[in-house]
Amino acid sequence: VNCDEGITRSEFNSALKNKHVLQYLSILDIEVDEADLLFDLLDDGDGEVSLQEFCHGLPRLKGTARALDVVALKHDSNIIMHQAREIRHAIHQLAAAMTGVVPSALAECPPQS
């Protein structure tokens, strides 16, 4: 594991085979039944889990499977919202290119971040 950067999915899965890591997560009341889901929930989308992502993400995952499901839904919702913003931006660019001006309905809705 490279301490300067995040850990990859493969490194993460290997770490979850370590009994000390499993004991630590158990103490934190973190269920690791689905390693890939856990990685996805901690990752910000760059394919690696940084120390910051790990430390900030774990407290959100504490508790029962129900809590994990809620966090998974929030994660998926964030991805969908990001994709929707990208689609909206692409439509805005297409409309501007086709008409040479930004349609008034699109101009009234500033991009959201």
Protein backbone atom coordinates (compact mmCIF):
# COMPACT_ATOMS: atom_id res chain seq x y z
CA VAL A 1 0.00 0.00 0.00
CA ASN A 2 1.34 3.38 -1.02
CA CYS A 3 0.90 5.72 1.97
CA ASP A 4 1.39 8.85 -0.16
CA GLU A 5 -1.68 8.16 -2.26
CA GLY A 6 -4.94 6.34 -1.83
CA ILE A 7 -5.36 2.61 -1.98
CA THR A 8 -6.79 0.85 -5.00
CA ARG A 9 -9.74 -1.53 -4.97
CA SER A 10 -7.33 -4.48 -5.14
CA GLU A 11 -5.29 -3.19 -2.18
CA PHE A 12 -8.51 -2.48 -0.29
CA ASN A 13 -9.80 -6.01 -0.86
CA SER A 14 -6.44 -7.44 0.25
CA ALA A 15 -6.53 -5.32 3.42
CA LEU A 16 -10.00 -6.67 4.23
CA LYS A 17 -8.49 -10.17 4.42
CA ASN A 18 -6.25 -9.06 7.30
CA LYS A 19 -7.70 -10.14 10.65
CA HIS A 20 -6.47 -6.95 12.36
CA VAL A 21 -8.25 -4.77 9.81
CA LEU A 22 -11.43 -6.82 10.23
CA GLN A 23 -11.20 -6.51 14.02
CA TYR A 24 -10.72 -2.74 13.75
CA LEU A 25 -13.74 -2.38 11.47
CA SER A 26 -15.78 -4.64 13.74
CA ILE A 27 -14.96 -2.41 16.71
CA LEU A 28 -16.20 0.54 14.66
CA ASP A 29 -19.39 -1.43 13.90
CA ILE A 30 -18.61 -1.46 10.17
CA GLU A 31 -19.96 -4.40 8.20
CA VAL A 32 -17.68 -5.57 5.39
CA ASP A 33 -19.90 -8.19 3.78
CA GLU A 34 -19.73 -6.32 0.46
CA ALA A 35 -16.16 -5.10 0.00
CA ASP A 36 -16.80 -3.57 -3.43
CA LEU A 37 -19.78 -1.58 -2.15
CA LEU A 38 -17.77 -0.40 0.85
CA PHE A 39 -14.94 0.72 -1.46
CA ASP A 40 -17.39 2.54 -3.74
CA LEU A 41 -18.97 4.35 -0.80
CA LEU A 42 -15.60 5.53 0.49
CA ASP A 43 -14.15 6.43 -2.93
CA ASP A 44 -14.77 9.91 -4.37
CA GLY A 45 -14.76 8.51 -7.90
CA ASP A 46 -11.04 8.53 -8.71
CA GLY A 47 -10.60 4.78 -8.19
CA GLU A 48 -8.65 5.14 -4.96
CA VAL A 49 -9.59 5.63 -1.33
CA SER A 50 -7.42 8.27 0.31
CA LEU A 51 -6.77 8.44 4.03
CA GLN A 52 -9.09 11.45 4.20
CA GLU A 53 -11.88 9.62 2.35
CA PHE A 54 -11.43 6.64 4.65
CA CYS A 55 -11.50 8.69 7.86
CA HIS A 56 -14.46 10.83 6.76
CA GLY A 57 -16.40 7.96 5.21
CA LEU A 58 -16.22 5.34 7.95
CA PRO A 59 -18.32 7.21 10.53
CA ARG A 60 -21.14 7.45 7.98
CA LEU A 61 -21.14 3.68 7.60
CA LYS A 62 -21.45 2.76 11.26
CA GLY A 63 -24.44 0.79 12.39
CA THR A 64 -26.81 -1.64 10.81
CA ALA A 65 -27.25 -2.60 7.20
CA ARG A 66 -30.06 -0.06 7.04
CA ALA A 67 -27.56 2.75 7.65
CA LEU A 68 -25.32 1.30 4.94
CA ASP A 69 -28.25 1.27 2.54
CA VAL A 70 -29.00 4.93 3.24
CA VAL A 71 -25.38 5.88 2.61
CA ALA A 72 -25.40 3.80 -0.60
CA LEU A 73 -28.49 5.66 -1.79
CA LYS A 74 -26.86 9.01 -1.01
CA HIS A 75 -23.76 7.94 -2.92
CA ASP A 76 -25.80 6.86 -5.95
CA SER A 77 -27.85 10.05 -5.76
CA ASN A 78 -24.68 12.16 -5.86
CA ILE A 79 -23.49 10.30 -8.96
CA ILE A 80 -26.85 10.78 -10.68
CA MET A 81 -26.92 14.48 -9.83
CA HIS A 82 -23.41 14.91 -11.25
CA GLN A 83 -24.43 13.14 -14.44
CA ALA A 84 -27.59 15.26 -14.70
CA ARG A 85 -25.52 18.44 -14.42
CA GLU A 86 -23.19 17.18 -17.17
CA ILE A 87 -26.19 16.41 -19.41
CA ARG A 88 -27.70 19.82 -18.72
CA HIS A 89 -24.41 21.49 -19.59
CA ALA A 90 -24.15 19.50 -22.84
CA ILE A 91 -27.71 20.44 -23.81
CA HIS A 92 -26.94 24.08 -23.05
CA GLN A 93 -23.88 23.94 -25.31
CA LEU A 94 -25.82 22.24 -28.11
CA ALA A 95 -28.63 24.77 -27.93
CA ALA A 96 -26.16 27.64 -28.02
CA ALA A 97 -24.34 26.14 -30.98
CA MET A 98 -27.57 25.55 -32.90
CA THR A 99 -29.07 28.97 -32.36
CA GLY A 100 -26.04 31.11 -31.71
CA VAL A 101 -27.73 32.39 -28.57
CA VAL A 102 -28.65 30.78 -25.31
CA PRO A 103 -32.38 30.03 -25.16
CA SER A 104 -34.04 32.16 -22.50
CA ALA A 105 -35.32 29.15 -20.55
CA LEU A 106 -31.80 27.79 -20.16
CA ALA A 107 -30.31 31.18 -19.38
CA GLU A 108 -32.70 31.57 -16.45
CA CYS A 109 -31.36 28.40 -14.80
CA PRO A 110 -27.75 28.99 -13.72
CA PRO A 111 -25.57 25.85 -13.55
CA GLN A 112 -25.55 24.20 -10.16
CA SER A 113 -22.48 22.68 -8.60
